[in-house]
C-alpha atoms as a PDB file:
ATOM      1  CA  UNK A   1     -21.541 163.406 370.975  1.00  0.00           C
ATOM      2  CA  UNK A   2     -22.173 163.779 367.249  1.00  0.00           C
ATOM      3  CA  UNK A   3     -20.928 161.194 364.770  1.00  0.00           C
ATOM      4  CA  UNK A   4     -20.359 162.058 361.147  1.00  0.00           C
ATOM      5  CA  UNK A   5     -21.399 159.118 359.011  1.00  0.00           C
ATOM      6  CA  UNK A   6     -23.070 158.024 355.738  1.00  0.00           C
ATOM      7  CA  UNK A   7     -26.798 157.410 355.954  1.00  0.00           C
ATOM      8  CA  UNK A   8     -27.906 153.866 355.536  1.00  0.00           C
ATOM      9  CA  UNK A   9     -31.580 154.692 355.010  1.00  0.00           C
ATOM     10  CA  UNK A  10     -33.497 157.612 353.567  1.00  0.00           C
ATOM     11  CA  UNK A  11     -34.502 160.206 356.158  1.00  0.00           C
ATOM     12  CA  UNK A  12     -35.213 163.761 357.017  1.00  0.00           C
ATOM     13  CA  UNK A  13     -32.895 166.378 358.551  1.00  0.00           C
ATOM     14  CA  UNK A  14     -33.982 167.194 362.128  1.00  0.00           C
ATOM     15  CA  UNK A  15     -32.789 170.845 361.778  1.00  0.00           C
ATOM     16  CA  UNK A  16     -34.127 171.812 358.338  1.00  0.00           C
ATOM     17  CA  UNK A  17     -36.647 169.172 357.390  1.00  0.00           C
ATOM     18  CA  UNK A  18     -34.827 168.442 354.110  1.00  0.00           C
ATOM     19  CA  UNK A  19     -34.961 164.855 352.878  1.00  0.00           C
ATOM     20  CA  UNK A  20     -31.744 162.903 352.370  1.00  0.00           C
ATOM     21  CA  UNK A  21     -31.020 159.673 350.528  1.00  0.00           C
ATOM     22  CA  UNK A  22     -28.874 156.681 351.609  1.00  0.00           C
ATOM     23  CA  UNK A  23     -25.213 157.592 351.215  1.00  0.00           C
ATOM     24  CA  UNK A  24     -25.655 161.239 352.205  1.00  0.00           C
ATOM     25  CA  UNK A  25     -23.218 162.564 354.808  1.00  0.00           C
ATOM     26  CA  UNK A  26     -25.067 163.215 358.098  1.00  0.00           C
ATOM     27  CA  UNK A  27     -24.282 164.129 361.727  1.00  0.00           C
ATOM     28  CA  UNK A  28     -26.005 161.611 364.033  1.00  0.00           C
ATOM     29  CA  UNK A  29     -26.496 162.110 367.757  1.00  0.00           C
ATOM     30  CA  UNK A  30     -27.029 158.723 369.392  1.00  0.00           C
ATOM     31  CA  UNK A  31     -28.287 160.254 372.675  1.00  0.00           C
ATOM     32  CA  UNK A  32     -31.241 162.057 371.020  1.00  0.00           C
ATOM     33  CA  UNK A  33     -31.373 159.857 367.898  1.00  0.00           C
ATOM     34  CA  UNK A  34     -31.424 162.962 365.634  1.00  0.00           C
ATOM     35  CA  UNK A  35     -29.829 163.123 362.239  1.00  0.00           C
ATOM     36  CA  UNK A  36     -28.903 166.393 360.566  1.00  0.00           C
ATOM     37  CA  UNK A  37     -27.287 166.960 357.170  1.00  0.00           C
ATOM     38  CA  UNK A  38     -23.583 167.641 357.374  1.00  0.00           C
ATOM     39  CA  UNK A  39     -22.354 170.687 355.495  1.00  0.00           C
ATOM     40  CA  UNK A  40     -20.589 170.043 352.213  1.00  0.00           C
ATOM     41  CA  UNK A  41     -17.438 172.024 351.861  1.00  0.00           C
ATOM     42  CA  UNK A  42     -15.128 172.547 348.885  1.00  0.00           C
ATOM     43  CA  UNK A  43     -11.614 173.923 349.179  1.00  0.00           C
ATOM     44  CA  UNK A  44     -10.057 176.147 346.515  1.00  0.00           C
ATOM     45  CA  UNK A  45      -6.383 177.244 346.433  1.00  0.00           C
ATOM     46  CA  UNK A  46      -5.106 180.117 344.308  1.00  0.00           C
ATOM     47  CA  UNK A  47      -1.438 180.744 343.717  1.00  0.00           C
ATOM     48  CA  UNK A  48      -0.751 184.473 343.555  1.00  0.00           C
ATOM     49  CA  UNK A  49       2.276 186.681 343.653  1.00  0.00           C
ATOM     50  CA  UNK A  50       2.157 186.597 347.477  1.00  0.00           C
ATOM     51  CA  UNK A  51       1.917 182.833 347.707  1.00  0.00           C
ATOM     52  CA  UNK A  52      -1.066 180.463 347.914  1.00  0.00           C
ATOM     53  CA  UNK A  53      -4.481 181.637 349.159  1.00  0.00           C
ATOM     54  CA  UNK A  54      -6.768 178.917 350.485  1.00  0.00           C
ATOM     55  CA  UNK A  55     -10.554 179.329 350.533  1.00  0.00           C
ATOM     56  CA  UNK A  56     -13.291 176.961 351.745  1.00  0.00           C
ATOM     57  CA  UNK A  57     -16.795 177.159 350.169  1.00  0.00           C
ATOM     58  CA  UNK A  58     -19.995 175.626 351.330  1.00  0.00           C
ATOM     59  CA  UNK A  59     -22.573 173.763 349.220  1.00  0.00           C
ATOM     60  CA  UNK A  60     -24.145 177.085 348.085  1.00  0.00           C
ATOM     61  CA  UNK A  61     -20.802 178.276 346.640  1.00  0.00           C
ATOM     62  CA  UNK A  62     -20.204 180.937 349.297  1.00  0.00           C
ATOM     63  CA  UNK A  63     -17.078 181.074 351.469  1.00  0.00           C
ATOM     64  CA  UNK A  64     -17.231 179.746 354.951  1.00  0.00           C
ATOM     65  CA  UNK A  65     -17.123 183.307 356.346  1.00  0.00           C
ATOM     66  CA  UNK A  66     -19.804 184.628 354.018  1.00  0.00           C
ATOM     67  CA  UNK A  67     -20.959 187.353 353.780  1.00  0.00           C
ATOM     68  CA  UNK A  68     -18.464 188.946 356.226  1.00  0.00           C
ATOM     69  CA  UNK A  69     -15.077 188.846 354.402  1.00  0.00           C
ATOM     70  CA  UNK A  70     -16.175 189.694 350.881  1.00  0.00           C
ATOM     71  CA  UNK A  71     -14.141 186.971 349.143  1.00  0.00           C
ATOM     72  CA  UNK A  72     -17.222 185.333 347.601  1.00  0.00           C
ATOM     73  CA  UNK A  73     -16.661 187.036 344.293  1.00  0.00           C
ATOM     74  CA  UNK A  74     -13.801 184.670 343.421  1.00  0.00           C
END
């Protein structure tokens, strides 16, 4: 069972090998003692003539469905 938490110590992501600093958001699995970086998401809401449209972007600025839906040009 994964736990999302803040890192207390510097470490390395088990999935990508990227280094992380204390305070980074990580997913920790106590059974395997593996830590992976949690995705950073940003939500954006636009108000249009047909009501609000809500989009979620990842840390690279692409939507969560990228590149499938084509809304990354916002």
